[in-house]
Amino acid sequence: LVASLAQDYREASRDLTVVTMSMTMIVRTRFIDAQLENAARNGATQVVILGAGFDSRAYRFHELLRNVAVFEVDSSATQELKMQRVEAVLGSIPGNVTYVPMNFNIEKLDNVLGKAGWHPARKTFFTWEGVSMYVTEDGVRGTLRSIATQSAPGSTLVMDYASRNLIELIKQSPDLPAVKQLTSWGEPWIFGIPEGQERDFFAEMGLELAQRIPMYGAET
């Protein structure tokens, strides 16, 4: 996949793996972008990007979010590199952006956010993209419960997740090409939600499932 970045689009698009990954990620990014825009225009005054990595929404949507507090939550090592890149590209870190170091497996989200200046009484838009599958079940449950119990009414969360069936397939068939691709990063997928039980799972965490879109479904 990395090698395809240096290829002409027409050449890279002959690889089904490249096309599948790029198209699904484009759809995922576009969907979350739309939900962010909708939340900001409907009164959200805080945005929390969980496992932010090199997420660029705080910078791409700078005008829309100029009066919104953005909290980027990730490991301190990732954030140090992120801040270097942001300063190199933009000259400085935008004043409305706060970097919040956190280990999802051992820390509580509301605790670390509270220390960083996040206000639970203010409507918040949360996004958790490409992260939950790498976190322990206890870590996922703890993070979701923090969002459900500590956020203001009207707050929303957009996240993606793996199915438990896929996690079991990864464990049982490590030599499949698709599985090797997932595990080649050195960070295994370890958490998935049982198929068909998504609504019950989120309800148990205190959240209402408003919309679910399968990655390879017709709507996507």
C-alpha atoms as a PDB file:
ATOM      1  CA  LEU A   1       0.000   0.000   0.000  1.00  0.00           C
ATOM      2  CA  VAL A   2       2.767   2.460   0.853  1.00  0.00           C
ATOM      3  CA  ALA A   3       4.488   1.834  -2.481  1.00  0.00           C
ATOM      4  CA  SER A   4       1.288   2.789  -4.299  1.00  0.00           C
ATOM      5  CA  LEU A   5       1.637   6.395  -3.086  1.00  0.00           C
ATOM      6  CA  ALA A   6       4.495   6.874  -5.538  1.00  0.00           C
ATOM      7  CA  GLN A   7       2.589   5.338  -8.457  1.00  0.00           C
ATOM      8  CA  ASP A   8       0.403   6.954 -11.066  1.00  0.00           C
ATOM      9  CA  TYR A   9      -3.254   6.646 -10.049  1.00  0.00           C
ATOM     10  CA  ARG A  10      -4.101   4.536 -13.092  1.00  0.00           C
ATOM     11  CA  GLU A  11      -1.311   2.111 -12.248  1.00  0.00           C
ATOM     12  CA  ALA A  12      -2.115   1.927  -8.535  1.00  0.00           C
ATOM     13  CA  SER A  13      -5.824   1.441  -9.212  1.00  0.00           C
ATOM     14  CA  ARG A  14      -5.116  -1.909 -10.861  1.00  0.00           C
ATOM     15  CA  ASP A  15      -4.370  -3.293  -7.396  1.00  0.00           C
ATOM     16  CA  LEU A  16      -7.689  -4.355  -5.826  1.00  0.00           C
ATOM     17  CA  THR A  17      -6.273  -4.043  -2.304  1.00  0.00           C
ATOM     18  CA  VAL A  18      -5.238  -0.440  -2.947  1.00  0.00           C
ATOM     19  CA  VAL A  19      -8.597   0.475  -4.464  1.00  0.00           C
ATOM     20  CA  THR A  20     -10.564  -1.179  -1.654  1.00  0.00           C
ATOM     21  CA  MET A  21      -8.545   0.444   1.123  1.00  0.00           C
ATOM     22  CA  SER A  22      -8.418   3.900  -0.444  1.00  0.00           C
ATOM     23  CA  MET A  23     -12.103   4.015  -1.341  1.00  0.00           C
ATOM     24  CA  THR A  24     -13.299   2.849   2.067  1.00  0.00           C
ATOM     25  CA  MET A  25     -11.029   5.345   3.816  1.00  0.00           C
ATOM     26  CA  ILE A  26     -12.261   8.145   1.564  1.00  0.00           C
ATOM     27  CA  VAL A  27     -15.848   7.261   2.440  1.00  0.00           C
ATOM     28  CA  ARG A  28     -15.036   7.071   6.150  1.00  0.00           C
ATOM     29  CA  THR A  29     -13.263  10.438   6.111  1.00  0.00           C
ATOM     30  CA  ARG A  30     -16.056  12.104   4.159  1.00  0.00           C
ATOM     31  CA  PHE A  31     -18.736  10.755   6.478  1.00  0.00           C
ATOM     32  CA  ILE A  32     -16.960  11.941   9.629  1.00  0.00           C
ATOM     33  CA  ASP A  33     -16.263  15.322   8.043  1.00  0.00           C
ATOM     34  CA  ALA A  34     -19.975  15.746   7.329  1.00  0.00           C
ATOM     35  CA  GLN A  35     -20.918  14.837  10.901  1.00  0.00           C
ATOM     36  CA  LEU A  36     -18.339  17.284  12.261  1.00  0.00           C
ATOM     37  CA  GLU A  37     -19.694  20.104  10.112  1.00  0.00           C
ATOM     38  CA  ASN A  38     -23.241  19.298  11.179  1.00  0.00           C
ATOM     39  CA  ALA A  39     -22.298  19.224  14.881  1.00  0.00           C
ATOM     40  CA  ALA A  40     -20.401  22.529  14.723  1.00  0.00           C
ATOM     41  CA  ARG A  41     -23.334  24.228  13.000  1.00  0.00           C
ATOM     42  CA  ASN A  42     -25.765  22.850  15.549  1.00  0.00           C
ATOM     43  CA  GLY A  43     -24.189  24.116  18.722  1.00  0.00           C
ATOM     44  CA  ALA A  44     -21.239  21.876  19.565  1.00  0.00           C
ATOM     45  CA  THR A  45     -18.580  24.067  21.181  1.00  0.00           C
ATOM     46  CA  GLN A  46     -16.035  21.294  21.746  1.00  0.00           C
ATOM     47  CA  VAL A  47     -14.550  18.647  19.479  1.00  0.00           C
ATOM     48  CA  VAL A  48     -12.656  15.669  20.891  1.00  0.00           C
ATOM     49  CA  ILE A  49     -10.606  13.626  18.422  1.00  0.00           C
ATOM     50  CA  LEU A  50      -9.762  10.326  20.089  1.00  0.00           C
ATOM     51  CA  GLY A  51      -6.611   8.628  18.867  1.00  0.00           C
ATOM     52  CA  ALA A  52      -5.989  11.704  16.734  1.00  0.00           C
ATOM     53  CA  GLY A  53      -2.706  10.597  15.164  1.00  0.00           C
ATOM     54  CA  PHE A  54      -2.228  12.811  12.122  1.00  0.00           C
ATOM     55  CA  ASP A  55      -5.906  13.716  11.840  1.00  0.00           C
ATOM     56  CA  SER A  56      -6.112  17.078  10.076  1.00  0.00           C
ATOM     57  CA  ARG A  57      -9.684  18.172  10.842  1.00  0.00           C
ATOM     58  CA  ALA A  58      -8.678  20.875  13.329  1.00  0.00           C
ATOM     59  CA  TYR A  59      -6.633  22.473  10.546  1.00  0.00           C
ATOM     60  CA  ARG A  60      -8.748  21.716   7.471  1.00  0.00           C
ATOM     61  CA  PHE A  61     -11.837  23.092   9.233  1.00  0.00           C
ATOM     62  CA  HIS A  62     -10.032  25.934  10.981  1.00  0.00           C
ATOM     63  CA  GLU A  63     -12.583  28.582   9.963  1.00  0.00           C
ATOM     64  CA  LEU A  64     -15.585  26.495  10.953  1.00  0.00           C
ATOM     65  CA  LEU A  65     -13.959  25.608  14.287  1.00  0.00           C
ATOM     66  CA  ARG A  66     -12.429  28.994  15.115  1.00  0.00           C
ATOM     67  CA  ASN A  67     -14.749  29.354  18.145  1.00  0.00           C
ATOM     68  CA  VAL A  68     -14.698  25.650  19.017  1.00  0.00           C
ATOM     69  CA  ALA A  69     -12.227  24.054  21.446  1.00  0.00           C
ATOM     70  CA  VAL A  70     -10.540  21.049  19.821  1.00  0.00           C
ATOM     71  CA  PHE A  71      -8.913  18.369  21.977  1.00  0.00           C
ATOM     72  CA  GLU A  72      -6.632  15.878  20.238  1.00  0.00           C
ATOM     73  CA  VAL A  73      -6.189  12.765  22.385  1.00  0.00           C
ATOM     74  CA  ASP A  74      -3.348  10.325  21.696  1.00  0.00           C
ATOM     75  CA  SER A  75      -0.067   8.954  23.034  1.00  0.00           C
ATOM     76  CA  SER A  76       2.520  11.560  23.977  1.00  0.00           C
ATOM     77  CA  ALA A  77       5.084  10.187  21.501  1.00  0.00           C
ATOM     78  CA  THR A  78       2.672  10.528  18.580  1.00  0.00           C
ATOM     79  CA  GLN A  79       1.661  13.993  19.687  1.00  0.00           C
ATOM     80  CA  GLU A  80       5.233  15.240  19.900  1.00  0.00           C
ATOM     81  CA  LEU A  81       5.780  14.312  16.261  1.00  0.00           C
ATOM     82  CA  LYS A  82       2.378  15.719  15.297  1.00  0.00           C
ATOM     83  CA  MET A  83       3.157  19.075  16.894  1.00  0.00           C
ATOM     84  CA  GLN A  84       6.472  19.258  15.061  1.00  0.00           C
ATOM     85  CA  ARG A  85       4.712  18.698  11.735  1.00  0.00           C
ATOM     86  CA  VAL A  86       1.918  21.174  12.488  1.00  0.00           C
ATOM     87  CA  GLU A  87       4.404  23.873  13.441  1.00  0.00           C
ATOM     88  CA  ALA A  88       6.495  23.148  10.338  1.00  0.00           C
ATOM     89  CA  VAL A  89       3.475  23.413   8.033  1.00  0.00           C
ATOM     90  CA  LEU A  90       1.390  26.121   9.724  1.00  0.00           C
ATOM     91  CA  GLY A  91       4.046  28.030  11.665  1.00  0.00           C
ATOM     92  CA  SER A  92       2.307  27.483  15.004  1.00  0.00           C
ATOM     93  CA  ILE A  93      -0.332  25.371  16.687  1.00  0.00           C
ATOM     94  CA  PRO A  94      -3.790  27.003  16.429  1.00  0.00           C
ATOM     95  CA  GLY A  95      -4.886  28.562  19.698  1.00  0.00           C
ATOM     96  CA  ASN A  96      -8.089  26.504  19.888  1.00  0.00           C
ATOM     97  CA  VAL A  97      -6.246  23.151  19.727  1.00  0.00           C
ATOM     98  CA  THR A  98      -5.132  21.283  22.863  1.00  0.00           C
ATOM     99  CA  TYR A  99      -3.074  18.083  22.757  1.00  0.00           C
ATOM    100  CA  VAL A 100      -4.100  15.606  25.436  1.00  0.00           C
ATOM    101  CA  PRO A 101      -1.797  12.616  26.090  1.00  0.00           C
ATOM    102  CA  MET A 102      -3.624   9.440  27.066  1.00  0.00           C
ATOM    103  CA  ASN A 103      -3.326   5.657  27.145  1.00  0.00           C
ATOM    104  CA  PHE A 104      -6.822   4.314  26.446  1.00  0.00           C
ATOM    105  CA  ASN A 105      -6.041   1.015  28.132  1.00  0.00           C
ATOM    106  CA  ILE A 106      -5.204   2.418  31.561  1.00  0.00           C
ATOM    107  CA  GLU A 107      -6.618   5.958  31.849  1.00  0.00           C
ATOM    108  CA  LYS A 108     -10.140   7.364  32.098  1.00  0.00           C
ATOM    109  CA  LEU A 109     -11.135   9.751  29.348  1.00  0.00           C
ATOM    110  CA  ASP A 110     -13.101  12.168  31.509  1.00  0.00           C
ATOM    111  CA  ASN A 111     -10.163  12.491  33.918  1.00  0.00           C
ATOM    112  CA  VAL A 112      -7.593  13.395  31.275  1.00  0.00           C
ATOM    113  CA  LEU A 113      -9.979  15.678  29.395  1.00  0.00           C
ATOM    114  CA  GLY A 114     -10.992  17.485  32.564  1.00  0.00           C
ATOM    115  CA  LYS A 115      -7.370  18.254  33.384  1.00  0.00           C
ATOM    116  CA  ALA A 116      -6.908  19.604  29.843  1.00  0.00           C
ATOM    117  CA  GLY A 117      -9.744  22.108  30.120  1.00  0.00           C
ATOM    118  CA  TRP A 118     -12.628  20.169  28.574  1.00  0.00           C
ATOM    119  CA  HIS A 119     -16.049  21.114  30.019  1.00  0.00           C
ATOM    120  CA  PRO A 120     -18.551  18.264  30.423  1.00  0.00           C
ATOM    121  CA  ALA A 121     -21.462  20.729  30.481  1.00  0.00           C
ATOM    122  CA  ARG A 122     -20.758  21.877  26.926  1.00  0.00           C
ATOM    123  CA  LYS A 123     -22.060  20.018  23.887  1.00  0.00           C
ATOM    124  CA  THR A 124     -19.234  17.992  22.370  1.00  0.00           C
ATOM    125  CA  PHE A 125     -18.613  16.156  19.114  1.00  0.00           C
ATOM    126  CA  PHE A 126     -16.421  13.070  19.594  1.00  0.00           C
ATOM    127  CA  THR A 127     -14.763  11.070  16.844  1.00  0.00           C
ATOM    128  CA  TRP A 128     -12.880   7.795  17.318  1.00  0.00           C
ATOM    129  CA  GLU A 129     -11.541   6.755  13.931  1.00  0.00           C
ATOM    130  CA  GLY A 130      -9.402   3.693  13.263  1.00  0.00           C
ATOM    131  CA  VAL A 131      -8.567   3.160  16.943  1.00  0.00           C
ATOM    132  CA  SER A 132     -11.001   0.986  18.898  1.00  0.00           C
ATOM    133  CA  MET A 133      -9.846  -2.268  17.296  1.00  0.00           C
ATOM    134  CA  TYR A 134      -6.374  -1.741  18.811  1.00  0.00           C
ATOM    135  CA  VAL A 135      -7.664  -1.111  22.349  1.00  0.00           C
ATOM    136  CA  THR A 136      -8.528  -3.694  25.003  1.00  0.00           C
ATOM    137  CA  GLU A 137     -12.199  -4.357  25.656  1.00  0.00           C
ATOM    138  CA  ASP A 138     -11.924  -2.760  29.093  1.00  0.00           C
ATOM    139  CA  GLY A 139     -10.325   0.301  27.504  1.00  0.00           C
ATOM    140  CA  VAL A 140     -13.070   0.598  24.894  1.00  0.00           C
ATOM    141  CA  ARG A 141     -15.845   0.144  27.433  1.00  0.00           C
ATOM    142  CA  GLY A 142     -14.294   2.638  29.846  1.00  0.00           C
ATOM    143  CA  THR A 143     -13.901   5.279  27.139  1.00  0.00           C
ATOM    144  CA  LEU A 144     -17.466   4.863  25.880  1.00  0.00           C
ATOM    145  CA  ARG A 145     -18.879   5.014  29.407  1.00  0.00           C
ATOM    146  CA  SER A 146     -16.967   8.246  30.041  1.00  0.00           C
ATOM    147  CA  ILE A 147     -18.528   9.773  26.939  1.00  0.00           C
ATOM    148  CA  ALA A 148     -22.001   8.541  27.853  1.00  0.00           C
ATOM    149  CA  THR A 149     -21.982   9.589  31.504  1.00  0.00           C
ATOM    150  CA  GLN A 150     -19.923  12.783  31.444  1.00  0.00           C
ATOM    151  CA  SER A 151     -20.998  14.547  28.230  1.00  0.00           C
ATOM    152  CA  ALA A 152     -23.634  17.240  27.904  1.00  0.00           C
ATOM    153  CA  PRO A 153     -27.026  16.411  26.341  1.00  0.00           C
ATOM    154  CA  GLY A 154     -26.856  16.594  22.551  1.00  0.00           C
ATOM    155  CA  SER A 155     -23.249  15.430  22.391  1.00  0.00           C
ATOM    156  CA  THR A 156     -22.486  12.898  19.671  1.00  0.00           C
ATOM    157  CA  LEU A 157     -19.892  10.249  18.859  1.00  0.00           C
ATOM    158  CA  VAL A 158     -18.851   8.924  15.454  1.00  0.00           C
ATOM    159  CA  MET A 159     -16.608   5.856  15.533  1.00  0.00           C
ATOM    160  CA  ASP A 160     -15.692   2.845  13.472  1.00  0.00           C
ATOM    161  CA  TYR A 161     -15.095  -0.613  14.891  1.00  0.00           C
ATOM    162  CA  ALA A 162     -14.298  -4.176  13.931  1.00  0.00           C
ATOM    163  CA  SER A 163     -16.617  -7.128  14.352  1.00  0.00           C
ATOM    164  CA  ARG A 164     -15.752  -9.845  16.840  1.00  0.00           C
ATOM    165  CA  ASN A 165     -15.947 -12.352  13.959  1.00  0.00           C
ATOM    166  CA  LEU A 166     -13.121 -10.516  12.209  1.00  0.00           C
ATOM    167  CA  ILE A 167     -11.013 -10.523  15.363  1.00  0.00           C
ATOM    168  CA  GLU A 168     -11.502 -14.282  15.662  1.00  0.00           C
ATOM    169  CA  LEU A 169     -10.562 -14.737  11.994  1.00  0.00           C
ATOM    170  CA  ILE A 170      -7.351 -12.806  12.586  1.00  0.00           C
ATOM    171  CA  LYS A 171      -6.486 -15.068  15.507  1.00  0.00           C
ATOM    172  CA  GLN A 172      -7.328 -18.301  13.685  1.00  0.00           C
ATOM    173  CA  SER A 173      -5.909 -17.501  10.227  1.00  0.00           C
ATOM    174  CA  PRO A 174      -2.750 -15.404  10.678  1.00  0.00           C
ATOM    175  CA  ASP A 175      -1.346 -16.421   7.269  1.00  0.00           C
ATOM    176  CA  LEU A 176      -4.197 -15.061   5.154  1.00  0.00           C
ATOM    177  CA  PRO A 177      -2.943 -12.138   2.992  1.00  0.00           C
ATOM    178  CA  ALA A 178      -5.623  -9.787   4.318  1.00  0.00           C
ATOM    179  CA  VAL A 179      -4.763 -10.720   7.906  1.00  0.00           C
ATOM    180  CA  LYS A 180      -1.047 -10.263   7.295  1.00  0.00           C
ATOM    181  CA  GLN A 181      -1.813  -6.802   5.953  1.00  0.00           C
ATOM    182  CA  LEU A 182      -3.642  -5.892   9.172  1.00  0.00           C
ATOM    183  CA  THR A 183      -0.929  -7.254  11.452  1.00  0.00           C
ATOM    184  CA  SER A 184       2.106  -6.022   9.510  1.00  0.00           C
ATOM    185  CA  TRP A 185       2.034  -2.707  11.394  1.00  0.00           C
ATOM    186  CA  GLY A 186       3.064  -4.475  14.592  1.00  0.00           C
ATOM    187  CA  GLU A 187      -0.127  -3.423  16.380  1.00  0.00           C
ATOM    188  CA  PRO A 188      -2.656  -6.279  16.341  1.00  0.00           C
ATOM    189  CA  TRP A 189      -6.416  -5.847  16.194  1.00  0.00           C
ATOM    190  CA  ILE A 190      -7.734  -7.164  19.498  1.00  0.00           C
ATOM    191  CA  PHE A 191     -11.259  -5.784  20.012  1.00  0.00           C
ATOM    192  CA  GLY A 192     -14.479  -6.278  18.103  1.00  0.00           C
ATOM    193  CA  ILE A 193     -18.205  -5.921  18.770  1.00  0.00           C
ATOM    194  CA  PRO A 194     -20.376  -9.061  18.362  1.00  0.00           C
ATOM    195  CA  GLU A 195     -22.176  -9.043  15.007  1.00  0.00           C
ATOM    196  CA  GLY A 196     -25.848  -8.140  15.268  1.00  0.00           C
ATOM    197  CA  GLN A 197     -25.455  -6.954  18.857  1.00  0.00           C
ATOM    198  CA  GLU A 198     -24.180  -3.450  18.191  1.00  0.00           C
ATOM    199  CA  ARG A 199     -27.264  -1.633  19.463  1.00  0.00           C
ATOM    200  CA  ASP A 200     -27.283  -3.659  22.678  1.00  0.00           C
ATOM    201  CA  PHE A 201     -23.547  -3.140  23.176  1.00  0.00           C
ATOM    202  CA  PHE A 202     -23.762   0.635  22.904  1.00  0.00           C
ATOM    203  CA  ALA A 203     -26.904   0.723  25.037  1.00  0.00           C
ATOM    204  CA  GLU A 204     -25.024  -1.139  27.752  1.00  0.00           C
ATOM    205  CA  MET A 205     -22.414   1.633  27.622  1.00  0.00           C
ATOM    206  CA  GLY A 206     -25.171   4.246  27.991  1.00  0.00           C
ATOM    207  CA  LEU A 207     -25.209   5.315  24.339  1.00  0.00           C
ATOM    208  CA  GLU A 208     -27.989   5.294  21.771  1.00  0.00           C
ATOM    209  CA  LEU A 209     -26.990   3.949  18.350  1.00  0.00           C
ATOM    210  CA  ALA A 210     -28.397   6.516  15.939  1.00  0.00           C
ATOM    211  CA  GLN A 211     -26.914   5.256  12.678  1.00  0.00           C
ATOM    212  CA  ARG A 212     -24.852   2.275  11.561  1.00  0.00           C
ATOM    213  CA  ILE A 213     -23.252   2.038   8.123  1.00  0.00           C
ATOM    214  CA  PRO A 214     -21.448  -1.200   7.133  1.00  0.00           C
ATOM    215  CA  MET A 215     -18.084  -0.466   5.492  1.00  0.00           C
ATOM    216  CA  TYR A 216     -18.944  -2.517   2.398  1.00  0.00           C
ATOM    217  CA  GLY A 217     -22.701  -1.892   2.363  1.00  0.00           C
ATOM    218  CA  ALA A 218     -24.641  -0.386  -0.523  1.00  0.00           C
ATOM    219  CA  GLU A 219     -25.027   2.978   1.231  1.00  0.00           C
ATOM    220  CA  THR A 220     -21.254   3.271   1.625  1.00  0.00           C
END
